[in-house]
Amino acid sequence: MFNDLVTFGLTALAGYFAIANPISATPIFIALTQGDRPAIKRKIALHAVLTAIFVVVLFSVAGKLIFELFGITMSALRIAGGILVSLVGYQMLQGHSSTVQVPKEVEGDEGTADVIEAQLSVAISPLGMPMIAGPGTIATAVGFAANPGFLYTLVSIAAFLVIGALTYLMFIQAPRIVRFLGATNLTVVTRLMGLIVATIGVGMVVTGLSDTVREFIVSLPPR
């Protein structure tokens, strides 16, 4: 039993790392928090990770029930998440990352409550979800939780907690990456990551549409 749990835990750890991919999320964090104060960046990093953990725990415990209750399919979740990610990537590609951070309607003196709240909102979306806890991560959490016995669910959640801690550590080391790159190279990285993020979003939409078409074909009555 213990050996099975250890093997399952290592599998879950590898699976979450590959899908959540904190390495690729770090440049996106840098781009979305460019110009923010260090204290705000740390809060954004913490809120993003906590949001992702909340989503994974929620779907690990009650994912199947939630899908059935609201009639949500993974293909629909992929399409919705892909559209959101594509929009964020487009703004980054156009050099409009500031509009992602602080909407125009709440722009004001730095440090005001409205501006801080707007800056922290990027932690929930797109960083927390769907960049860290995206459709793939949710599907993985639901799949791991399908193993018999609640103990496996706890091990799966613990594995994602490790990934969350690693992601937070990489996010708070982002200032060193910024100093290493410099302002000009950071702008290039921002636009390059915008292209990558937009591509990821489009890929999610395409996958979702493909799954929807496949589900529709399978549901057709045989001739």
C-alpha atoms as a PDB file:
ATOM      1  CA  MET A   1       0.000   0.000   0.000  1.00  0.00           C
ATOM      2  CA  PHE A   2       2.757   2.420   1.001  1.00  0.00           C
ATOM      3  CA  ASN A   3       4.766   1.651  -2.139  1.00  0.00           C
ATOM      4  CA  ASP A   4       1.675   2.197  -4.280  1.00  0.00           C
ATOM      5  CA  LEU A   5       1.073   5.595  -2.659  1.00  0.00           C
ATOM      6  CA  VAL A   6       4.707   6.628  -3.182  1.00  0.00           C
ATOM      7  CA  THR A   7       4.561   5.609  -6.836  1.00  0.00           C
ATOM      8  CA  PHE A   8       1.259   7.407  -7.266  1.00  0.00           C
ATOM      9  CA  GLY A   9       2.650  10.510  -5.548  1.00  0.00           C
ATOM     10  CA  LEU A  10       5.693  10.646  -7.834  1.00  0.00           C
ATOM     11  CA  THR A  11       3.458  10.171 -10.870  1.00  0.00           C
ATOM     12  CA  ALA A  12       1.158  12.965  -9.709  1.00  0.00           C
ATOM     13  CA  LEU A  13       4.138  15.228  -9.023  1.00  0.00           C
ATOM     14  CA  ALA A  14       5.558  14.665 -12.504  1.00  0.00           C
ATOM     15  CA  GLY A  15       2.156  15.071 -14.131  1.00  0.00           C
ATOM     16  CA  TYR A  16       1.345  18.347 -12.378  1.00  0.00           C
ATOM     17  CA  PHE A  17       4.817  19.727 -13.075  1.00  0.00           C
ATOM     18  CA  ALA A  18       4.557  18.957 -16.773  1.00  0.00           C
ATOM     19  CA  ILE A  19       1.091  20.500 -17.115  1.00  0.00           C
ATOM     20  CA  ALA A  20       1.281  23.481 -14.718  1.00  0.00           C
ATOM     21  CA  ASN A  21       4.845  24.133 -15.967  1.00  0.00           C
ATOM     22  CA  PRO A  22       6.104  26.790 -13.506  1.00  0.00           C
ATOM     23  CA  ILE A  23       9.175  27.349 -15.696  1.00  0.00           C
ATOM     24  CA  SER A  24       7.113  28.673 -18.608  1.00  0.00           C
ATOM     25  CA  ALA A  25       4.749  30.540 -16.264  1.00  0.00           C
ATOM     26  CA  THR A  26       7.564  32.627 -14.753  1.00  0.00           C
ATOM     27  CA  PRO A  27       8.259  34.817 -17.844  1.00  0.00           C
ATOM     28  CA  ILE A  28       4.507  35.401 -18.117  1.00  0.00           C
ATOM     29  CA  PHE A  29       4.456  36.478 -14.468  1.00  0.00           C
ATOM     30  CA  ILE A  30       7.314  38.889 -15.212  1.00  0.00           C
ATOM     31  CA  ALA A  31       5.457  40.379 -18.174  1.00  0.00           C
ATOM     32  CA  LEU A  32       2.158  40.796 -16.329  1.00  0.00           C
ATOM     33  CA  THR A  33       3.739  42.379 -13.237  1.00  0.00           C
ATOM     34  CA  GLN A  34       6.146  44.679 -15.043  1.00  0.00           C
ATOM     35  CA  GLY A  35       6.259  48.040 -13.244  1.00  0.00           C
ATOM     36  CA  ASP A  36       4.593  46.782 -10.052  1.00  0.00           C
ATOM     37  CA  ARG A  37       6.233  47.308  -6.679  1.00  0.00           C
ATOM     38  CA  PRO A  38       8.096  44.316  -5.150  1.00  0.00           C
ATOM     39  CA  ALA A  39       5.495  43.967  -2.372  1.00  0.00           C
ATOM     40  CA  ILE A  40       2.695  43.844  -4.942  1.00  0.00           C
ATOM     41  CA  LYS A  41       4.598  41.265  -6.991  1.00  0.00           C
ATOM     42  CA  ARG A  42       4.967  39.024  -3.949  1.00  0.00           C
ATOM     43  CA  LYS A  43       1.242  39.344  -3.207  1.00  0.00           C
ATOM     44  CA  ILE A  44       0.377  38.552  -6.831  1.00  0.00           C
ATOM     45  CA  ALA A  45       2.644  35.477  -6.736  1.00  0.00           C
ATOM     46  CA  LEU A  46       1.063  34.270  -3.489  1.00  0.00           C
ATOM     47  CA  HIS A  47      -2.519  34.930  -4.622  1.00  0.00           C
ATOM     48  CA  ALA A  48      -1.901  33.224  -7.979  1.00  0.00           C
ATOM     49  CA  VAL A  49      -0.547  30.083  -6.332  1.00  0.00           C
ATOM     50  CA  LEU A  50      -3.309  30.037  -3.692  1.00  0.00           C
ATOM     51  CA  THR A  51      -5.928  30.441  -6.439  1.00  0.00           C
ATOM     52  CA  ALA A  52      -4.460  27.510  -8.363  1.00  0.00           C
ATOM     53  CA  ILE A  53      -4.329  25.379  -5.215  1.00  0.00           C
ATOM     54  CA  PHE A  54      -7.953  26.216  -4.388  1.00  0.00           C
ATOM     55  CA  VAL A  55      -9.055  25.215  -7.898  1.00  0.00           C
ATOM     56  CA  VAL A  56      -7.137  21.921  -7.790  1.00  0.00           C
ATOM     57  CA  VAL A  57      -8.430  21.039  -4.311  1.00  0.00           C
ATOM     58  CA  LEU A  58     -11.996  21.915  -5.327  1.00  0.00           C
ATOM     59  CA  PHE A  59     -11.939  19.781  -8.460  1.00  0.00           C
ATOM     60  CA  SER A  60     -10.039  16.978  -6.743  1.00  0.00           C
ATOM     61  CA  VAL A  61     -12.746  16.678  -4.118  1.00  0.00           C
ATOM     62  CA  ALA A  62     -15.874  17.584  -6.078  1.00  0.00           C
ATOM     63  CA  GLY A  63     -14.829  17.822  -9.738  1.00  0.00           C
ATOM     64  CA  LYS A  64     -17.143  15.143 -11.070  1.00  0.00           C
ATOM     65  CA  LEU A  65     -20.098  16.565  -9.129  1.00  0.00           C
ATOM     66  CA  ILE A  66     -19.397  20.109 -10.380  1.00  0.00           C
ATOM     67  CA  PHE A  67     -19.206  18.985 -14.004  1.00  0.00           C
ATOM     68  CA  GLU A  68     -22.463  17.069 -13.709  1.00  0.00           C
ATOM     69  CA  LEU A  69     -24.252  19.827 -11.749  1.00  0.00           C
ATOM     70  CA  PHE A  70     -23.510  22.607 -14.253  1.00  0.00           C
ATOM     71  CA  GLY A  71     -23.346  20.430 -17.344  1.00  0.00           C
ATOM     72  CA  ILE A  72     -19.729  21.449 -17.992  1.00  0.00           C
ATOM     73  CA  THR A  73     -17.591  19.425 -20.355  1.00  0.00           C
ATOM     74  CA  MET A  74     -13.810  19.488 -20.547  1.00  0.00           C
ATOM     75  CA  SER A  75     -14.040  20.615 -24.164  1.00  0.00           C
ATOM     76  CA  ALA A  76     -16.138  23.656 -23.171  1.00  0.00           C
ATOM     77  CA  LEU A  77     -13.692  24.439 -20.352  1.00  0.00           C
ATOM     78  CA  ARG A  78     -10.781  24.273 -22.796  1.00  0.00           C
ATOM     79  CA  ILE A  79     -12.529  26.621 -25.244  1.00  0.00           C
ATOM     80  CA  ALA A  80     -13.383  29.186 -22.546  1.00  0.00           C
ATOM     81  CA  GLY A  81      -9.897  29.054 -21.038  1.00  0.00           C
ATOM     82  CA  GLY A  82      -8.295  29.235 -24.474  1.00  0.00           C
ATOM     83  CA  ILE A  83     -10.212  32.375 -25.400  1.00  0.00           C
ATOM     84  CA  LEU A  84      -9.164  34.079 -22.164  1.00  0.00           C
ATOM     85  CA  VAL A  85      -5.516  33.097 -22.582  1.00  0.00           C
ATOM     86  CA  SER A  86      -5.538  34.234 -26.233  1.00  0.00           C
ATOM     87  CA  LEU A  87      -6.852  37.677 -25.266  1.00  0.00           C
ATOM     88  CA  VAL A  88      -4.148  38.093 -22.631  1.00  0.00           C
ATOM     89  CA  GLY A  89      -1.480  36.973 -25.096  1.00  0.00           C
ATOM     90  CA  TYR A  90      -2.757  39.444 -27.710  1.00  0.00           C
ATOM     91  CA  GLN A  91      -2.510  42.329 -25.251  1.00  0.00           C
ATOM     92  CA  MET A  92       1.023  41.292 -24.290  1.00  0.00           C
ATOM     93  CA  LEU A  93       1.981  40.974 -27.957  1.00  0.00           C
ATOM     94  CA  GLN A  94       0.747  44.506 -28.642  1.00  0.00           C
ATOM     95  CA  GLY A  95       2.702  45.872 -25.688  1.00  0.00           C
ATOM     96  CA  HIS A  96      -0.482  46.511 -23.698  1.00  0.00           C
ATOM     97  CA  SER A  97       0.466  44.523 -20.632  1.00  0.00           C
ATOM     98  CA  SER A  98      -0.391  47.521 -18.446  1.00  0.00           C
ATOM     99  CA  THR A  99      -4.048  47.283 -19.446  1.00  0.00           C
ATOM    100  CA  VAL A 100      -4.032  43.702 -18.260  1.00  0.00           C
ATOM    101  CA  GLN A 101      -2.590  44.756 -14.929  1.00  0.00           C
ATOM    102  CA  VAL A 102      -4.582  47.892 -14.228  1.00  0.00           C
ATOM    103  CA  PRO A 103      -7.763  48.600 -16.202  1.00  0.00           C
ATOM    104  CA  LYS A 104      -8.113  52.182 -17.369  1.00  0.00           C
ATOM    105  CA  GLU A 105     -11.192  52.792 -15.269  1.00  0.00           C
ATOM    106  CA  VAL A 106      -9.222  52.255 -12.039  1.00  0.00           C
ATOM    107  CA  GLU A 107      -5.983  53.983 -12.984  1.00  0.00           C
ATOM    108  CA  GLY A 108      -4.793  56.446 -10.380  1.00  0.00           C
ATOM    109  CA  ASP A 109      -2.061  57.108  -7.876  1.00  0.00           C
ATOM    110  CA  GLU A 110       0.042  54.048  -7.200  1.00  0.00           C
ATOM    111  CA  GLY A 111      -0.758  52.545  -3.827  1.00  0.00           C
ATOM    112  CA  THR A 112      -4.447  53.452  -3.766  1.00  0.00           C
ATOM    113  CA  ALA A 113      -6.849  50.675  -2.825  1.00  0.00           C
ATOM    114  CA  ASP A 114      -8.480  50.519  -6.266  1.00  0.00           C
ATOM    115  CA  VAL A 115      -5.168  50.268  -8.118  1.00  0.00           C
ATOM    116  CA  ILE A 116      -3.794  47.620  -5.731  1.00  0.00           C
ATOM    117  CA  GLU A 117      -6.985  45.588  -6.074  1.00  0.00           C
ATOM    118  CA  ALA A 118      -6.738  45.799  -9.879  1.00  0.00           C
ATOM    119  CA  GLN A 119      -3.093  44.777  -9.792  1.00  0.00           C
ATOM    120  CA  LEU A 120      -3.906  41.762  -7.609  1.00  0.00           C
ATOM    121  CA  SER A 121      -6.748  40.722  -9.919  1.00  0.00           C
ATOM    122  CA  VAL A 122      -4.208  39.437 -12.439  1.00  0.00           C
ATOM    123  CA  ALA A 123      -3.252  36.815  -9.838  1.00  0.00           C
ATOM    124  CA  ILE A 124      -6.664  35.192 -10.118  1.00  0.00           C
ATOM    125  CA  SER A 125      -6.938  35.448 -13.892  1.00  0.00           C
ATOM    126  CA  PRO A 126      -4.962  34.726 -15.958  1.00  0.00           C
ATOM    127  CA  LEU A 127      -2.118  33.611 -13.666  1.00  0.00           C
ATOM    128  CA  GLY A 128      -3.922  31.445 -11.116  1.00  0.00           C
ATOM    129  CA  MET A 129      -6.418  30.206 -13.660  1.00  0.00           C
ATOM    130  CA  PRO A 130      -6.001  29.225 -16.429  1.00  0.00           C
ATOM    131  CA  MET A 131      -2.185  29.608 -16.640  1.00  0.00           C
ATOM    132  CA  ILE A 132      -1.283  27.501 -13.570  1.00  0.00           C
ATOM    133  CA  ALA A 133      -4.547  25.659 -12.935  1.00  0.00           C
ATOM    134  CA  GLY A 134      -5.802  25.407 -16.495  1.00  0.00           C
ATOM    135  CA  PRO A 135      -8.093  22.838 -18.105  1.00  0.00           C
ATOM    136  CA  GLY A 136      -5.248  20.334 -18.337  1.00  0.00           C
ATOM    137  CA  THR A 137      -4.428  20.685 -14.640  1.00  0.00           C
ATOM    138  CA  ILE A 138      -8.114  20.391 -13.707  1.00  0.00           C
ATOM    139  CA  ALA A 139      -8.544  17.304 -15.869  1.00  0.00           C
ATOM    140  CA  THR A 140      -5.418  15.802 -14.285  1.00  0.00           C
ATOM    141  CA  ALA A 141      -6.718  16.532 -10.780  1.00  0.00           C
ATOM    142  CA  VAL A 142     -10.075  14.928 -11.571  1.00  0.00           C
ATOM    143  CA  GLY A 143      -8.316  11.934 -13.116  1.00  0.00           C
ATOM    144  CA  PHE A 144      -6.026  11.398 -10.122  1.00  0.00           C
ATOM    145  CA  ALA A 145      -8.973  11.779  -7.748  1.00  0.00           C
ATOM    146  CA  ALA A 146     -10.777   8.989  -9.614  1.00  0.00           C
ATOM    147  CA  ASN A 147      -8.479   6.438  -7.952  1.00  0.00           C
ATOM    148  CA  PRO A 148     -10.288   4.396  -5.289  1.00  0.00           C
ATOM    149  CA  GLY A 149      -9.741   5.654  -1.763  1.00  0.00           C
ATOM    150  CA  PHE A 150      -9.650   9.245  -0.476  1.00  0.00           C
ATOM    151  CA  LEU A 151      -6.011   8.750   0.500  1.00  0.00           C
ATOM    152  CA  TYR A 152      -5.031   8.915  -3.165  1.00  0.00           C
ATOM    153  CA  THR A 153      -6.853  12.229  -3.466  1.00  0.00           C
ATOM    154  CA  LEU A 154      -4.878  13.590  -0.511  1.00  0.00           C
ATOM    155  CA  VAL A 155      -1.618  12.451  -2.089  1.00  0.00           C
ATOM    156  CA  SER A 156      -2.613  14.132  -5.359  1.00  0.00           C
ATOM    157  CA  ILE A 157      -3.370  17.394  -3.539  1.00  0.00           C
ATOM    158  CA  ALA A 158      -0.067  17.165  -1.648  1.00  0.00           C
ATOM    159  CA  ALA A 159       1.773  16.728  -4.955  1.00  0.00           C
ATOM    160  CA  PHE A 160       0.197  19.898  -6.323  1.00  0.00           C
ATOM    161  CA  LEU A 161       1.085  21.763  -3.107  1.00  0.00           C
ATOM    162  CA  VAL A 162       4.724  20.977  -3.871  1.00  0.00           C
ATOM    163  CA  ILE A 163       4.290  22.337  -7.407  1.00  0.00           C
ATOM    164  CA  GLY A 164       2.573  25.425  -5.986  1.00  0.00           C
ATOM    165  CA  ALA A 165       5.467  26.071  -3.594  1.00  0.00           C
ATOM    166  CA  LEU A 166       7.971  25.664  -6.433  1.00  0.00           C
ATOM    167  CA  THR A 167       5.970  28.055  -8.626  1.00  0.00           C
ATOM    168  CA  TYR A 168       5.879  30.670  -5.845  1.00  0.00           C
ATOM    169  CA  LEU A 169       9.656  30.423  -5.350  1.00  0.00           C
ATOM    170  CA  MET A 170      10.232  30.928  -9.072  1.00  0.00           C
ATOM    171  CA  PHE A 171       7.848  33.895  -9.151  1.00  0.00           C
ATOM    172  CA  ILE A 172       9.521  35.727  -6.268  1.00  0.00           C
ATOM    173  CA  GLN A 173      12.913  35.229  -7.941  1.00  0.00           C
ATOM    174  CA  ALA A 174      11.557  37.061 -10.987  1.00  0.00           C
ATOM    175  CA  PRO A 175      13.262  40.406 -10.048  1.00  0.00           C
ATOM    176  CA  ARG A 176      16.661  38.764 -10.471  1.00  0.00           C
ATOM    177  CA  ILE A 177      15.593  37.612 -13.928  1.00  0.00           C
ATOM    178  CA  VAL A 178      14.460  41.169 -14.730  1.00  0.00           C
ATOM    179  CA  ARG A 179      17.806  42.636 -13.648  1.00  0.00           C
ATOM    180  CA  PHE A 180      19.621  40.023 -15.701  1.00  0.00           C
ATOM    181  CA  LEU A 181      17.610  40.712 -18.860  1.00  0.00           C
ATOM    182  CA  GLY A 182      17.448  44.515 -18.706  1.00  0.00           C
ATOM    183  CA  ALA A 183      14.579  46.767 -19.839  1.00  0.00           C
ATOM    184  CA  THR A 184      15.044  46.298 -23.599  1.00  0.00           C
ATOM    185  CA  ASN A 185      15.362  42.532 -23.497  1.00  0.00           C
ATOM    186  CA  LEU A 186      12.420  42.361 -21.080  1.00  0.00           C
ATOM    187  CA  THR A 187      10.237  44.125 -23.648  1.00  0.00           C
ATOM    188  CA  VAL A 188      11.309  41.582 -26.248  1.00  0.00           C
ATOM    189  CA  VAL A 189      10.563  38.733 -23.827  1.00  0.00           C
ATOM    190  CA  THR A 190       7.167  40.245 -23.030  1.00  0.00           C
ATOM    191  CA  ARG A 191       6.132  40.324 -26.686  1.00  0.00           C
ATOM    192  CA  LEU A 192       7.618  36.896 -27.352  1.00  0.00           C
ATOM    193  CA  MET A 193       5.731  35.453 -24.388  1.00  0.00           C
ATOM    194  CA  GLY A 194       2.624  37.210 -25.677  1.00  0.00           C
ATOM    195  CA  LEU A 195       2.974  35.277 -28.918  1.00  0.00           C
ATOM    196  CA  ILE A 196       3.523  32.028 -27.029  1.00  0.00           C
ATOM    197  CA  VAL A 197       0.587  32.668 -24.672  1.00  0.00           C
ATOM    198  CA  ALA A 198      -1.700  33.519 -27.602  1.00  0.00           C
ATOM    199  CA  THR A 199      -0.573  30.339 -29.367  1.00  0.00           C
ATOM    200  CA  ILE A 200      -1.282  28.287 -26.246  1.00  0.00           C
ATOM    201  CA  GLY A 201      -4.737  29.840 -26.063  1.00  0.00           C
ATOM    202  CA  VAL A 202      -5.503  29.101 -29.700  1.00  0.00           C
ATOM    203  CA  GLY A 203      -4.287  25.538 -29.191  1.00  0.00           C
ATOM    204  CA  MET A 204      -6.646  25.144 -26.245  1.00  0.00           C
ATOM    205  CA  VAL A 205      -9.559  26.416 -28.346  1.00  0.00           C
ATOM    206  CA  VAL A 206      -8.686  24.116 -31.248  1.00  0.00           C
ATOM    207  CA  THR A 207      -8.409  21.128 -28.909  1.00  0.00           C
ATOM    208  CA  GLY A 208     -11.727  22.013 -27.309  1.00  0.00           C
ATOM    209  CA  LEU A 209     -13.464  22.366 -30.671  1.00  0.00           C
ATOM    210  CA  SER A 210     -11.939  19.104 -31.873  1.00  0.00           C
ATOM    211  CA  ASP A 211     -13.157  17.314 -28.743  1.00  0.00           C
ATOM    212  CA  THR A 212     -16.622  18.842 -29.201  1.00  0.00           C
ATOM    213  CA  VAL A 213     -16.847  17.628 -32.797  1.00  0.00           C
ATOM    214  CA  ARG A 214     -15.623  14.172 -31.767  1.00  0.00           C
ATOM    215  CA  GLU A 215     -18.203  13.988 -28.971  1.00  0.00           C
ATOM    216  CA  PHE A 216     -20.916  15.071 -31.396  1.00  0.00           C
ATOM    217  CA  ILE A 217     -19.940  12.387 -33.924  1.00  0.00           C
ATOM    218  CA  VAL A 218     -19.874   9.701 -31.241  1.00  0.00           C
ATOM    219  CA  SER A 219     -23.319  10.773 -30.021  1.00  0.00           C
ATOM    220  CA  LEU A 220     -24.870  10.325 -33.474  1.00  0.00           C
ATOM    221  CA  PRO A 221     -27.078   7.246 -33.763  1.00  0.00           C
ATOM    222  CA  PRO A 222     -25.618   4.453 -35.904  1.00  0.00           C
ATOM    223  CA  ARG A 223     -27.000   4.143 -39.401  1.00  0.00           C
END
